[in-house]
Amino acid sequence: MFYKADQNGFKEVLPGIKLKTLVYGEKTLFTEFRMDAGAVLPKHAHLHEQTGYLTEGKIRLTIGKQVFEVNKGDSWCIPGNTSHSAEILKESVAVEVFSPVRDEYLPQKVK
């Protein structure tokens, strides 16, 4: 699978948080999130391991009981079934890989 960069196709999944799945395979799924300052990703957990990299902005990321101030260039890995949340402190862009593939993030399912 190949993805040619395109600014279109983002879907709002929560207020101020937009998602676009870029590519995916049998075992991984690669996404881009665009997040507005002040947006909140509520505490949640899922079976997927989640590895991310902040390309722009600043967020406060809580993984389990640890809190991290995440700046441009920082990265993280959240084990599956671990609670996590985020507060978006500045307009931000993150790219993340999920394993296994998150079916609900497949392009035909993200509405």
Protein backbone atom coordinates (compact mmCIF):
# COMPACT_ATOMS: atom_id res chain seq x y z
CA MET A 1 0.00 0.00 0.00
CA PHE A 2 1.21 3.51 -0.82
CA TYR A 3 -0.18 6.85 0.36
CA LYS A 4 0.40 10.11 -1.51
CA ALA A 5 0.25 13.13 0.84
CA ASP A 6 -3.11 14.89 0.73
CA GLN A 7 -4.52 17.50 3.10
CA ASN A 8 -8.08 16.20 2.61
CA GLY A 9 -9.86 13.24 4.15
CA PHE A 10 -9.59 13.98 7.88
CA LYS A 11 -12.58 12.97 10.00
CA GLU A 12 -13.46 14.53 13.37
CA VAL A 13 -13.50 11.71 15.92
CA LEU A 14 -13.89 13.95 18.99
CA PRO A 15 -14.39 17.70 19.28
CA GLY A 16 -11.15 19.30 18.09
CA ILE A 17 -9.51 15.97 17.19
CA LYS A 18 -9.31 14.83 13.57
CA LEU A 19 -7.99 11.51 12.27
CA LYS A 20 -6.82 10.20 8.95
CA THR A 21 -5.56 6.67 8.37
CA LEU A 22 -2.62 6.93 5.98
CA VAL A 23 -1.67 3.29 5.34
CA TYR A 24 -2.29 -0.09 6.90
CA GLY A 25 -1.27 -3.67 6.46
CA GLU A 26 -2.00 -7.01 8.00
CA LYS A 27 -0.50 -6.17 11.42
CA THR A 28 -0.17 -2.37 11.71
CA LEU A 29 -2.13 0.78 10.98
CA PHE A 30 -0.53 4.24 10.54
CA THR A 31 -2.53 7.39 11.32
CA GLU A 32 -2.22 11.15 11.48
CA PHE A 33 -4.07 13.11 14.16
CA ARG A 34 -4.64 16.87 14.00
CA MET A 35 -5.67 18.35 17.32
CA ASP A 36 -6.85 21.82 18.28
CA ALA A 37 -5.54 23.59 21.36
CA GLY A 38 -7.91 22.92 24.27
CA ALA A 39 -9.17 19.59 22.92
CA VAL A 40 -9.25 16.63 25.30
CA LEU A 41 -8.85 12.93 24.61
CA PRO A 42 -10.66 11.32 27.55
CA LYS A 43 -9.11 8.46 29.53
CA HIS A 44 -9.59 5.17 27.70
CA ALA A 45 -7.86 1.87 26.97
CA HIS A 46 -7.85 -0.58 24.06
CA LEU A 47 -6.09 -3.81 23.24
CA HIS A 48 -3.86 -2.13 20.64
CA GLU A 49 -0.27 -1.15 21.28
CA GLN A 50 0.05 2.52 20.26
CA THR A 51 3.33 4.15 19.23
CA GLY A 52 3.36 7.86 18.45
CA TYR A 53 5.48 10.84 17.46
CA LEU A 54 4.53 14.52 17.84
CA THR A 55 5.43 16.39 14.66
CA GLU A 56 3.96 19.75 15.78
CA GLY A 57 2.60 21.34 18.95
CA LYS A 58 2.45 20.41 22.61
CA ILE A 59 0.28 17.96 24.56
CA ARG A 60 0.02 16.62 28.09
CA LEU A 61 -0.12 12.83 27.80
CA THR A 62 -1.11 10.59 30.69
CA ILE A 63 -0.17 6.91 30.39
CA GLY A 64 -1.35 4.89 33.35
CA LYS A 65 -0.37 7.08 36.32
CA GLN A 66 2.53 8.87 34.57
CA VAL A 67 2.10 12.35 33.07
CA PHE A 68 4.34 13.62 30.26
CA GLU A 69 4.70 17.07 28.70
CA VAL A 70 5.11 16.13 25.04
CA ASN A 71 6.77 18.58 22.66
CA LYS A 72 7.56 18.48 18.94
CA GLY A 73 9.96 15.59 18.29
CA ASP A 74 8.97 13.54 21.35
CA SER A 75 7.58 10.01 21.03
CA TRP A 76 5.75 7.41 23.13
CA CYS A 77 4.62 3.81 23.21
CA ILE A 78 1.47 2.84 25.07
CA PRO A 79 1.10 -0.88 25.80
CA GLY A 80 -2.22 -2.51 24.95
CA ASN A 81 -4.92 -2.40 27.65
CA THR A 82 -3.25 0.59 29.38
CA SER A 83 -5.39 3.60 30.26
CA HIS A 84 -4.29 6.87 28.67
CA SER A 85 -5.57 10.37 27.96
CA ALA A 86 -4.33 13.64 26.49
CA GLU A 87 -4.86 17.37 26.87
CA ILE A 88 -3.92 19.39 23.79
CA LEU A 89 -1.95 22.42 24.98
CA LYS A 90 -1.10 23.88 21.53
CA GLU A 91 -2.42 23.03 18.08
CA SER A 92 -0.73 19.68 17.43
CA VAL A 93 -0.08 16.99 14.85
CA ALA A 94 0.83 13.43 15.82
CA VAL A 95 1.48 10.32 13.78
CA GLU A 96 0.71 6.98 15.42
CA VAL A 97 1.03 3.30 14.66
CA PHE A 98 -1.45 0.80 16.10
CA SER A 99 -0.94 -2.94 16.34
CA PRO A 100 -2.96 -4.97 15.70
CA VAL A 101 -4.91 -3.01 13.09
CA ARG A 102 -7.76 -0.97 14.56
CA ASP A 103 -10.70 -2.02 12.41
CA GLU A 104 -12.67 1.10 13.36
CA TYR A 105 -9.86 3.25 11.89
CA LEU A 106 -9.91 1.59 8.47
CA PRO A 107 -10.75 4.30 5.90
CA GLN A 108 -14.11 2.81 4.96
CA LYS A 109 -15.17 2.69 8.64
CA VAL A 110 -14.04 6.15 9.88
CA LYS A 111 -17.11 8.36 9.49
